[in-house]
Amino acid sequence: MKTESITVSFRVDAELRKQMDDQCRRFGTSRGDWARGVVLAHLEAGDQTQLMSHFESLQLQLDELAQDTHRQGQALKRMTLALLTAPRELSADEARIIAAQLFRS
């Protein structure tokens, strides 16, 4: 199925036209095909840049979550230690052993 094609034109100075023609000869293509390829490459690179930026943002969020999880685990161990030593009158060493068994890391 054929899609609609729209003509896009733009002006260039003599030097840029020469550079474009040199590239067209180098790749064996027309000015239109070469310009279309340059535009597509630029747009795709922009999409990749956005995607990489998004992945980097997600990685930072994951790192923060991992740090938060570690801090919460440490706080839970401290609270468990405090709870184990209060009502049963366990020694701190006994409570540490129980906490270590509960939260192996």
PDB file of N, CA and C in Angstrom:
ATOM      1  N   MET A   1       0.834  -1.166   0.000  1.00  0.00           N
ATOM      2  CA  MET A   1       0.000   0.000   0.000  1.00  0.00           C
ATOM      3  C   MET A   1       0.887   1.241   0.000  1.00  0.00           C
ATOM      4  N   LYS A   2       0.589   2.150  -0.871  1.00  0.00           N
ATOM      5  CA  LYS A   2       1.388   3.351  -1.030  1.00  0.00           C
ATOM      6  C   LYS A   2       0.918   4.417  -0.047  1.00  0.00           C
ATOM      7  N   THR A   3       1.874   5.095   0.601  1.00  0.00           N
ATOM      8  CA  THR A   3       1.519   6.162   1.527  1.00  0.00           C
ATOM      9  C   THR A   3       1.678   7.508   0.844  1.00  0.00           C
ATOM     10  N   GLU A   4       0.978   8.493   1.372  1.00  0.00           N
ATOM     11  CA  GLU A   4       1.039   9.831   0.797  1.00  0.00           C
ATOM     12  C   GLU A   4       2.433  10.421   1.004  1.00  0.00           C
ATOM     13  N   SER A   5       2.927  11.082   0.003  1.00  0.00           N
ATOM     14  CA  SER A   5       4.245  11.707   0.054  1.00  0.00           C
ATOM     15  C   SER A   5       4.075  13.214  -0.088  1.00  0.00           C
ATOM     16  N   ILE A   6       4.736  13.966   0.789  1.00  0.00           N
ATOM     17  CA  ILE A   6       4.651  15.425   0.771  1.00  0.00           C
ATOM     18  C   ILE A   6       6.035  15.980   0.464  1.00  0.00           C
ATOM     19  N   THR A   7       6.082  16.962  -0.418  1.00  0.00           N
ATOM     20  CA  THR A   7       7.357  17.584  -0.774  1.00  0.00           C
ATOM     21  C   THR A   7       7.750  18.603   0.289  1.00  0.00           C
ATOM     22  N   VAL A   8       9.001  18.528   0.701  1.00  0.00           N
ATOM     23  CA  VAL A   8       9.567  19.486   1.646  1.00  0.00           C
ATOM     24  C   VAL A   8      10.788  20.094   0.971  1.00  0.00           C
ATOM     25  N   SER A   9      10.875  21.418   0.951  1.00  0.00           N
ATOM     26  CA  SER A   9      12.030  22.056   0.321  1.00  0.00           C
ATOM     27  C   SER A   9      12.621  23.082   1.269  1.00  0.00           C
ATOM     28  N   PHE A  10      13.902  23.373   1.065  1.00  0.00           N
ATOM     29  CA  PHE A  10      14.582  24.377   1.875  1.00  0.00           C
ATOM     30  C   PHE A  10      15.727  24.961   1.064  1.00  0.00           C
ATOM     31  N   ARG A  11      16.172  26.146   1.451  1.00  0.00           N
ATOM     32  CA  ARG A  11      17.261  26.833   0.747  1.00  0.00           C
ATOM     33  C   ARG A  11      18.585  26.580   1.446  1.00  0.00           C
ATOM     34  N   VAL A  12      19.650  26.516   0.649  1.00  0.00           N
ATOM     35  CA  VAL A  12      21.006  26.381   1.180  1.00  0.00           C
ATOM     36  C   VAL A  12      21.921  27.311   0.397  1.00  0.00           C
ATOM     37  N   ASP A  13      23.039  27.684   1.022  1.00  0.00           N
ATOM     38  CA  ASP A  13      23.994  28.514   0.284  1.00  0.00           C
ATOM     39  C   ASP A  13      24.865  27.613  -0.599  1.00  0.00           C
ATOM     40  N   ALA A  14      25.699  28.222  -1.406  1.00  0.00           N
ATOM     41  CA  ALA A  14      26.503  27.479  -2.386  1.00  0.00           C
ATOM     42  C   ALA A  14      27.445  26.480  -1.716  1.00  0.00           C
ATOM     43  N   GLU A  15      28.044  26.872  -0.588  1.00  0.00           N
ATOM     44  CA  GLU A  15      28.993  25.989   0.105  1.00  0.00           C
ATOM     45  C   GLU A  15      28.291  24.748   0.649  1.00  0.00           C
ATOM     46  N   LEU A  16      27.126  24.943   1.264  1.00  0.00           N
ATOM     47  CA  LEU A  16      26.389  23.802   1.798  1.00  0.00           C
ATOM     48  C   LEU A  16      25.904  22.894   0.660  1.00  0.00           C
ATOM     49  N   ARG A  17      25.496  23.489  -0.447  1.00  0.00           N
ATOM     50  CA  ARG A  17      25.071  22.686  -1.596  1.00  0.00           C
ATOM     51  C   ARG A  17      26.226  21.836  -2.109  1.00  0.00           C
ATOM     52  N   LYS A  18      27.425  22.420  -2.158  1.00  0.00           N
ATOM     53  CA  LYS A  18      28.600  21.663  -2.602  1.00  0.00           C
ATOM     54  C   LYS A  18      28.870  20.490  -1.656  1.00  0.00           C
ATOM     55  N   GLN A  19      28.788  20.752  -0.351  1.00  0.00           N
ATOM     56  CA  GLN A  19      29.011  19.686   0.632  1.00  0.00           C
ATOM     57  C   GLN A  19      27.958  18.580   0.487  1.00  0.00           C
ATOM     58  N   MET A  20      26.710  18.997   0.291  1.00  0.00           N
ATOM     59  CA  MET A  20      25.643  18.010   0.095  1.00  0.00           C
ATOM     60  C   MET A  20      25.897  17.179  -1.159  1.00  0.00           C
ATOM     61  N   ASP A  21      26.268  17.857  -2.266  1.00  0.00           N
ATOM     62  CA  ASP A  21      26.529  17.140  -3.525  1.00  0.00           C
ATOM     63  C   ASP A  21      27.696  16.176  -3.372  1.00  0.00           C
ATOM     64  N   ASP A  22      28.727  16.585  -2.643  1.00  0.00           N
ATOM     65  CA  ASP A  22      29.868  15.688  -2.387  1.00  0.00           C
ATOM     66  C   ASP A  22      29.400  14.434  -1.641  1.00  0.00           C
ATOM     67  N   GLN A  23      28.554  14.625  -0.639  1.00  0.00           N
ATOM     68  CA  GLN A  23      28.035  13.481   0.125  1.00  0.00           C
ATOM     69  C   GLN A  23      27.141  12.599  -0.747  1.00  0.00           C
ATOM     70  N   CYS A  24      26.342  13.232  -1.579  1.00  0.00           N
ATOM     71  CA  CYS A  24      25.459  12.460  -2.476  1.00  0.00           C
ATOM     72  C   CYS A  24      26.283  11.594  -3.426  1.00  0.00           C
ATOM     73  N   ARG A  25      27.340  12.171  -3.999  1.00  0.00           N
ATOM     74  CA  ARG A  25      28.208  11.385  -4.885  1.00  0.00           C
ATOM     75  C   ARG A  25      28.872  10.258  -4.105  1.00  0.00           C
ATOM     76  N   ARG A  26      29.326  10.568  -2.906  1.00  0.00           N
ATOM     77  CA  ARG A  26      30.003   9.573  -2.069  1.00  0.00           C
ATOM     78  C   ARG A  26      29.096   8.373  -1.794  1.00  0.00           C
ATOM     79  N   PHE A  27      27.816   8.648  -1.533  1.00  0.00           N
ATOM     80  CA  PHE A  27      26.883   7.571  -1.219  1.00  0.00           C
ATOM     81  C   PHE A  27      26.071   7.104  -2.421  1.00  0.00           C
ATOM     82  N   GLY A  28      26.263   7.742  -3.556  1.00  0.00           N
ATOM     83  CA  GLY A  28      25.552   7.344  -4.766  1.00  0.00           C
ATOM     84  C   GLY A  28      24.048   7.533  -4.642  1.00  0.00           C
ATOM     85  N   THR A  29      23.645   8.668  -4.131  1.00  0.00           N
ATOM     86  CA  THR A  29      22.225   8.909  -3.899  1.00  0.00           C
ATOM     87  C   THR A  29      21.830  10.311  -4.343  1.00  0.00           C
ATOM     88  N   SER A  30      20.556  10.560  -4.424  1.00  0.00           N
ATOM     89  CA  SER A  30      20.072  11.892  -4.804  1.00  0.00           C
ATOM     90  C   SER A  30      20.096  12.817  -3.587  1.00  0.00           C
ATOM     91  N   ARG A  31      19.978  14.124  -3.842  1.00  0.00           N
ATOM     92  CA  ARG A  31      19.924  15.088  -2.736  1.00  0.00           C
ATOM     93  C   ARG A  31      18.738  14.794  -1.821  1.00  0.00           C
ATOM     94  N   GLY A  32      17.599  14.493  -2.432  1.00  0.00           N
ATOM     95  CA  GLY A  32      16.401  14.219  -1.635  1.00  0.00           C
ATOM     96  C   GLY A  32      16.558  13.004  -0.735  1.00  0.00           C
ATOM     97  N   ASP A  33      17.101  11.905  -1.301  1.00  0.00           N
ATOM     98  CA  ASP A  33      17.314  10.697  -0.492  1.00  0.00           C
ATOM     99  C   ASP A  33      18.347  10.946   0.600  1.00  0.00           C
ATOM    100  N   TRP A  34      19.404  11.692   0.254  1.00  0.00           N
ATOM    101  CA  TRP A  34      20.442  11.983   1.246  1.00  0.00           C
ATOM    102  C   TRP A  34      19.867  12.840   2.378  1.00  0.00           C
ATOM    103  N   ALA A  35      19.137  13.917   2.033  1.00  0.00           N
ATOM    104  CA  ALA A  35      18.555  14.799   3.046  1.00  0.00           C
ATOM    105  C   ALA A  35      17.549  14.036   3.915  1.00  0.00           C
ATOM    106  N   ARG A  36      16.742  13.174   3.298  1.00  0.00           N
ATOM    107  CA  ARG A  36      15.779  12.361   4.044  1.00  0.00           C
ATOM    108  C   ARG A  36      16.524  11.469   5.035  1.00  0.00           C
ATOM    109  N   GLY A  37      17.614  10.863   4.596  1.00  0.00           N
ATOM    110  CA  GLY A  37      18.411  10.005   5.480  1.00  0.00           C
ATOM    111  C   GLY A  37      19.006  10.776   6.647  1.00  0.00           C
ATOM    112  N   VAL A  38      19.489  11.995   6.377  1.00  0.00           N
ATOM    113  CA  VAL A  38      20.059  12.818   7.448  1.00  0.00           C
ATOM    114  C   VAL A  38      18.977  13.168   8.472  1.00  0.00           C
ATOM    115  N   VAL A  39      17.800  13.563   7.990  1.00  0.00           N
ATOM    116  CA  VAL A  39      16.698  13.922   8.896  1.00  0.00           C
ATOM    117  C   VAL A  39      16.280  12.711   9.726  1.00  0.00           C
ATOM    118  N   LEU A  40      16.117  11.554   9.073  1.00  0.00           N
ATOM    119  CA  LEU A  40      15.721  10.347   9.809  1.00  0.00           C
ATOM    120  C   LEU A  40      16.764   9.965  10.854  1.00  0.00           C
ATOM    121  N   ALA A  41      18.040  10.031  10.492  1.00  0.00           N
ATOM    122  CA  ALA A  41      19.099   9.695  11.439  1.00  0.00           C
ATOM    123  C   ALA A  41      19.069  10.640  12.638  1.00  0.00           C
ATOM    124  N   HIS A  42      18.834  11.916  12.364  1.00  0.00           N
ATOM    125  CA  HIS A  42      18.774  12.898  13.445  1.00  0.00           C
ATOM    126  C   HIS A  42      17.584  12.608  14.361  1.00  0.00           C
ATOM    127  N   LEU A  43      16.425  12.329  13.793  1.00  0.00           N
ATOM    128  CA  LEU A  43      15.236  12.058  14.597  1.00  0.00           C
ATOM    129  C   LEU A  43      15.398  10.784  15.418  1.00  0.00           C
ATOM    130  N   GLU A  44      15.968   9.753  14.810  1.00  0.00           N
ATOM    131  CA  GLU A  44      16.179   8.501  15.535  1.00  0.00           C
ATOM    132  C   GLU A  44      17.185   8.688  16.656  1.00  0.00           C
ATOM    133  N   ALA A  45      18.223   9.478  16.417  1.00  0.00           N
ATOM    134  CA  ALA A  45      19.209   9.751  17.464  1.00  0.00           C
ATOM    135  C   ALA A  45      18.546  10.496  18.612  1.00  0.00           C
ATOM    136  N   GLY A  46      17.632  11.411  18.296  1.00  0.00           N
ATOM    137  CA  GLY A  46      16.894  12.126  19.339  1.00  0.00           C
ATOM    138  C   GLY A  46      16.061  11.178  20.169  1.00  0.00           C
ATOM    139  N   ASP A  47      15.398  10.221  19.516  1.00  0.00           N
ATOM    140  CA  ASP A  47      14.606   9.230  20.235  1.00  0.00           C
ATOM    141  C   ASP A  47      15.497   8.394  21.142  1.00  0.00           C
ATOM    142  N   GLN A  48      16.673   8.003  20.635  1.00  0.00           N
ATOM    143  CA  GLN A  48      17.595   7.206  21.428  1.00  0.00           C
ATOM    144  C   GLN A  48      18.110   8.010  22.615  1.00  0.00           C
ATOM    145  N   THR A  49      18.370   9.292  22.395  1.00  0.00           N
ATOM    146  CA  THR A  49      18.844  10.144  23.479  1.00  0.00           C
ATOM    147  C   THR A  49      17.780  10.248  24.561  1.00  0.00           C
ATOM    148  N   GLN A  50      16.522  10.441  24.144  1.00  0.00           N
ATOM    149  CA  GLN A  50      15.422  10.505  25.113  1.00  0.00           C
ATOM    150  C   GLN A  50      15.289   9.188  25.866  1.00  0.00           C
ATOM    151  N   LEU A  51      15.396   8.098  25.148  1.00  0.00           N
ATOM    152  CA  LEU A  51      15.272   6.784  25.769  1.00  0.00           C
ATOM    153  C   LEU A  51      16.396   6.552  26.774  1.00  0.00           C
ATOM    154  N   MET A  52      17.625   6.898  26.398  1.00  0.00           N
ATOM    155  CA  MET A  52      18.754   6.739  27.320  1.00  0.00           C
ATOM    156  C   MET A  52      18.571   7.611  28.554  1.00  0.00           C
ATOM    157  N   SER A  53      18.087   8.824  28.358  1.00  0.00           N
ATOM    158  CA  SER A  53      17.831   9.719  29.477  1.00  0.00           C
ATOM    159  C   SER A  53      16.794   9.114  30.414  1.00  0.00           C
ATOM    160  N   HIS A  54      15.768   8.515  29.829  1.00  0.00           N
ATOM    161  CA  HIS A  54      14.729   7.867  30.628  1.00  0.00           C
ATOM    162  C   HIS A  54      15.313   6.693  31.411  1.00  0.00           C
ATOM    163  N   PHE A  55      16.139   5.867  30.763  1.00  0.00           N
ATOM    164  CA  PHE A  55      16.763   4.734  31.444  1.00  0.00           C
ATOM    165  C   PHE A  55      17.679   5.200  32.569  1.00  0.00           C
ATOM    166  N   GLU A  56      18.430   6.265  32.337  1.00  0.00           N
ATOM    167  CA  GLU A  56      19.308   6.795  33.386  1.00  0.00           C
ATOM    168  C   GLU A  56      18.494   7.277  34.581  1.00  0.00           C
ATOM    169  N   SER A  57      17.360   7.911  34.298  1.00  0.00           N
ATOM    170  CA  SER A  57      16.474   8.369  35.367  1.00  0.00           C
ATOM    171  C   SER A  57      15.931   7.175  36.160  1.00  0.00           C
ATOM    172  N   LEU A  58      15.529   6.125  35.450  1.00  0.00           N
ATOM    173  CA  LEU A  58      15.036   4.925  36.117  1.00  0.00           C
ATOM    174  C   LEU A  58      16.131   4.275  36.960  1.00  0.00           C
ATOM    175  N   GLN A  59      17.359   4.279  36.453  1.00  0.00           N
ATOM    176  CA  GLN A  59      18.462   3.685  37.204  1.00  0.00           C
ATOM    177  C   GLN A  59      18.709   4.455  38.498  1.00  0.00           C
ATOM    178  N   LEU A  60      18.640   5.784  38.439  1.00  0.00           N
ATOM    179  CA  LEU A  60      18.797   6.596  39.649  1.00  0.00           C
ATOM    180  C   LEU A  60      17.697   6.278  40.657  1.00  0.00           C
ATOM    181  N   GLN A  61      16.473   6.130  40.168  1.00  0.00           N
ATOM    182  CA  GLN A  61      15.363   5.798  41.059  1.00  0.00           C
ATOM    183  C   GLN A  61      15.566   4.427  41.700  1.00  0.00           C
ATOM    184  N   LEU A  62      16.048   3.467  40.914  1.00  0.00           N
ATOM    185  CA  LEU A  62      16.316   2.135  41.460  1.00  0.00           C
ATOM    186  C   LEU A  62      17.418   2.178  42.513  1.00  0.00           C
ATOM    187  N   ASP A  63      18.456   2.968  42.263  1.00  0.00           N
ATOM    188  CA  ASP A  63      19.529   3.116  43.239  1.00  0.00           C
ATOM    189  C   ASP A  63      19.005   3.704  44.543  1.00  0.00           C
ATOM    190  N   GLU A  64      18.147   4.725  44.426  1.00  0.00           N
ATOM    191  CA  GLU A  64      17.560   5.331  45.621  1.00  0.00           C
ATOM    192  C   GLU A  64      16.699   4.324  46.378  1.00  0.00           C
ATOM    193  N   LEU A  65      15.913   3.528  45.641  1.00  0.00           N
ATOM    194  CA  LEU A  65      15.084   2.506  46.287  1.00  0.00           C
ATOM    195  C   LEU A  65      15.948   1.468  46.998  1.00  0.00           C
ATOM    196  N   ALA A  66      17.044   1.079  46.377  1.00  0.00           N
ATOM    197  CA  ALA A  66      17.941   0.104  47.004  1.00  0.00           C
ATOM    198  C   ALA A  66      18.536   0.671  48.293  1.00  0.00           C
ATOM    199  N   GLN A  67      18.932   1.940  48.263  1.00  0.00           N
ATOM    200  CA  GLN A  67      19.472   2.571  49.468  1.00  0.00           C
ATOM    201  C   GLN A  67      18.407   2.662  50.554  1.00  0.00           C
ATOM    202  N   ASP A  68      17.178   3.064  50.158  1.00  0.00           N
ATOM    203  CA  ASP A  68      16.086   3.143  51.124  1.00  0.00           C
ATOM    204  C   ASP A  68      15.790   1.773  51.734  1.00  0.00           C
ATOM    205  N   THR A  69      15.780   0.744  50.899  1.00  0.00           N
ATOM    206  CA  THR A  69      15.517  -0.609  51.383  1.00  0.00           C
ATOM    207  C   THR A  69      16.588  -1.039  52.364  1.00  0.00           C
ATOM    208  N   HIS A  70      17.835  -0.724  52.067  1.00  0.00           N
ATOM    209  CA  HIS A  70      18.939  -1.072  52.974  1.00  0.00           C
ATOM    210  C   HIS A  70      18.774  -0.346  54.316  1.00  0.00           C
ATOM    211  N   ARG A  71      18.453   0.953  54.251  1.00  0.00           N
ATOM    212  CA  ARG A  71      18.269   1.721  55.499  1.00  0.00           C
ATOM    213  C   ARG A  71      17.098   1.166  56.310  1.00  0.00           C
ATOM    214  N   GLN A  72      16.017   0.803  55.626  1.00  0.00           N
ATOM    215  CA  GLN A  72      14.866   0.248  56.335  1.00  0.00           C
ATOM    216  C   GLN A  72      15.205  -1.096  56.969  1.00  0.00           C
ATOM    217  N   GLY A  73      15.982  -1.888  56.275  1.00  0.00           N
ATOM    218  CA  GLY A  73      16.420  -3.166  56.836  1.00  0.00           C
ATOM    219  C   GLY A  73      17.261  -2.964  58.084  1.00  0.00           C
ATOM    220  N   GLN A  74      18.157  -1.986  58.039  1.00  0.00           N
ATOM    221  CA  GLN A  74      18.991  -1.691  59.205  1.00  0.00           C
ATOM    222  C   GLN A  74      18.127  -1.208  60.379  1.00  0.00           C
ATOM    223  N   ALA A  75      17.145  -0.351  60.078  1.00  0.00           N
ATOM    224  CA  ALA A  75      16.257   0.148  61.127  1.00  0.00           C
ATOM    225  C   ALA A  75      15.432  -0.993  61.725  1.00  0.00           C
ATOM    226  N   LEU A  76      14.981  -1.910  60.883  1.00  0.00           N
ATOM    227  CA  LEU A  76      14.217  -3.049  61.361  1.00  0.00           C
ATOM    228  C   LEU A  76      15.066  -3.930  62.280  1.00  0.00           C
ATOM    229  N   LYS A  77      16.315  -4.115  61.921  1.00  0.00           N
ATOM    230  CA  LYS A  77      17.217  -4.902  62.783  1.00  0.00           C
ATOM    231  C   LYS A  77      17.386  -4.226  64.136  1.00  0.00           C
ATOM    232  N   ARG A  78      17.559  -2.897  64.132  1.00  0.00           N
ATOM    233  CA  ARG A  78      17.731  -2.171  65.393  1.00  0.00           C
ATOM    234  C   ARG A  78      16.466  -2.263  66.256  1.00  0.00           C
ATOM    235  N   MET A  79      15.299  -2.135  65.623  1.00  0.00           N
ATOM    236  CA  MET A  79      14.048  -2.221  66.376  1.00  0.00           C
ATOM    237  C   MET A  79      13.847  -3.633  66.937  1.00  0.00           C
ATOM    238  N   THR A  80      14.188  -4.636  66.157  1.00  0.00           N
ATOM    239  CA  THR A  80      14.067  -6.018  66.616  1.00  0.00           C
ATOM    240  C   THR A  80      14.975  -6.248  67.816  1.00  0.00           C
ATOM    241  N   LEU A  81      16.167  -5.739  67.744  1.00  0.00           N
ATOM    242  CA  LEU A  81      17.112  -5.857  68.847  1.00  0.00           C
ATOM    243  C   LEU A  81      16.544  -5.202  70.101  1.00  0.00           C
ATOM    244  N   ALA A  82      15.969  -4.016  69.940  1.00  0.00           N
ATOM    245  CA  ALA A  82      15.392  -3.318  71.090  1.00  0.00           C
ATOM    246  C   ALA A  82      14.216  -4.100  71.664  1.00  0.00           C
ATOM    247  N   LEU A  83      13.369  -4.634  70.810  1.00  0.00           N
ATOM    248  CA  LEU A  83      12.211  -5.394  71.279  1.00  0.00           C
ATOM    249  C   LEU A  83      12.616  -6.692  71.962  1.00  0.00           C
ATOM    250  N   LEU A  84      13.620  -7.333  71.454  1.00  0.00           N
ATOM    251  CA  LEU A  84      14.044  -8.608  72.040  1.00  0.00           C
ATOM    252  C   LEU A  84      14.718  -8.415  73.397  1.00  0.00           C
ATOM    253  N   THR A  85      15.320  -7.288  73.606  1.00  0.00           N
ATOM    254  CA  THR A  85      16.020  -7.073  74.884  1.00  0.00           C
ATOM    255  C   THR A  85      15.091  -6.543  75.962  1.00  0.00           C
ATOM    256  N   ALA A  86      13.987  -5.915  75.616  1.00  0.00           N
ATOM    257  CA  ALA A  86      13.115  -5.287  76.624  1.00  0.00           C
ATOM    258  C   ALA A  86      12.256  -6.281  77.404  1.00  0.00           C
ATOM    259  N   PRO A  87      11.328  -7.005  76.793  1.00  0.00           N
ATOM    260  CA  PRO A  87      10.380  -7.776  77.606  1.00  0.00           C
ATOM    261  C   PRO A  87      10.949  -9.058  78.218  1.00  0.00           C
ATOM    262  N   ARG A  88      11.888  -9.685  77.565  1.00  0.00           N
ATOM    263  CA  ARG A  88      12.385 -10.978  78.043  1.00  0.00           C
ATOM    264  C   ARG A  88      13.664 -10.852  78.852  1.00  0.00           C
ATOM    265  N   GLU A  89      14.138  -9.688  78.929  1.00  0.00           N
ATOM    266  CA  GLU A  89      15.397  -9.433  79.624  1.00  0.00           C
ATOM    267  C   GLU A  89      16.543 -10.250  79.043  1.00  0.00           C
ATOM    268  N   LEU A  90      16.583 -10.313  77.701  1.00  0.00           N
ATOM    269  CA  LEU A  90      17.721 -10.954  77.040  1.00  0.00           C
ATOM    270  C   LEU A  90      18.910 -10.015  77.100  1.00  0.00           C
ATOM    271  N   SER A  91      20.076 -10.604  77.063  1.00  0.00           N
ATOM    272  CA  SER A  91      21.266  -9.755  76.977  1.00  0.00           C
ATOM    273  C   SER A  91      21.360  -9.213  75.552  1.00  0.00           C
ATOM    274  N   ALA A  92      22.109  -8.166  75.396  1.00  0.00           N
ATOM    275  CA  ALA A  92      22.298  -7.586  74.065  1.00  0.00           C
ATOM    276  C   ALA A  92      22.914  -8.606  73.119  1.00  0.00           C
ATOM    277  N   ASP A  93      23.842  -9.410  73.619  1.00  0.00           N
ATOM    278  CA  ASP A  93      24.470 -10.431  72.768  1.00  0.00           C
ATOM    279  C   ASP A  93      23.464 -11.481  72.313  1.00  0.00           C
ATOM    280  N   GLU A  94      22.589 -11.935  73.229  1.00  0.00           N
ATOM    281  CA  GLU A  94      21.568 -12.914  72.857  1.00  0.00           C
ATOM    282  C   GLU A  94      20.603 -12.324  71.824  1.00  0.00           C
ATOM    283  N   ALA A  95      20.218 -11.076  72.042  1.00  0.00           N
ATOM    284  CA  ALA A  95      19.303 -10.408  71.104  1.00  0.00           C
ATOM    285  C   ALA A  95      19.960 -10.247  69.736  1.00  0.00           C
ATOM    286  N   ARG A  96      21.243  -9.903  69.707  1.00  0.00           N
ATOM    287  CA  ARG A  96      21.961  -9.771  68.428  1.00  0.00           C
ATOM    288  C   ARG A  96      21.976 -11.092  67.668  1.00  0.00           C
ATOM    289  N   ILE A  97      22.186 -12.187  68.383  1.00  0.00           N
ATOM    290  CA  ILE A  97      22.216 -13.505  67.749  1.00  0.00           C
ATOM    291  C   ILE A  97      20.847 -13.821  67.139  1.00  0.00           C
ATOM    292  N   ILE A  98      19.785 -13.545  67.874  1.00  0.00           N
ATOM    293  CA  ILE A  98      18.434 -13.791  67.354  1.00  0.00           C
ATOM    294  C   ILE A  98      18.149 -12.902  66.161  1.00  0.00           C
ATOM    295  N   ALA A  99      18.498 -11.632  66.284  1.00  0.00           N
ATOM    296  CA  ALA A  99      18.279 -10.699  65.168  1.00  0.00           C
ATOM    297  C   ALA A  99      19.075 -11.133  63.938  1.00  0.00           C
ATOM    298  N   ALA A 100      20.300 -11.577  64.147  1.00  0.00           N
ATOM    299  CA  ALA A 100      21.134 -12.017  63.005  1.00  0.00           C
ATOM    300  C   ALA A 100      20.509 -13.238  62.326  1.00  0.00           C
ATOM    301  N   GLN A 101      19.914 -14.127  63.139  1.00  0.00           N
ATOM    302  CA  GLN A 101      19.263 -15.308  62.563  1.00  0.00           C
ATOM    303  C   GLN A 101      17.996 -14.919  61.802  1.00  0.00           C
ATOM    304  N   LEU A 102      17.273 -13.939  62.311  1.00  0.00           N
ATOM    305  CA  LEU A 102      16.048 -13.495  61.642  1.00  0.00           C
ATOM    306  C   LEU A 102      16.342 -12.739  60.352  1.00  0.00           C
ATOM    307  N   PHE A 103      17.407 -11.968  60.369  1.00  0.00           N
ATOM    308  CA  PHE A 103      17.717 -11.103  59.232  1.00  0.00           C
ATOM    309  C   PHE A 103      19.103 -11.419  58.697  1.00  0.00           C
ATOM    310  N   ARG A 104      19.235 -12.542  58.118  1.00  0.00           N
ATOM    311  CA  ARG A 104      20.543 -12.930  57.550  1.00  0.00           C
ATOM    312  C   ARG A 104      20.897 -12.039  56.390  1.00  0.00           C
ATOM    313  N   SER A 105      22.102 -11.448  56.469  1.00  0.00           N
ATOM    314  CA  SER A 105      22.550 -10.600  55.360  1.00  0.00           C
ATOM    315  C   SER A 105      24.046 -10.665  55.230  1.00  0.00           C
TER     316      SER A 105
END
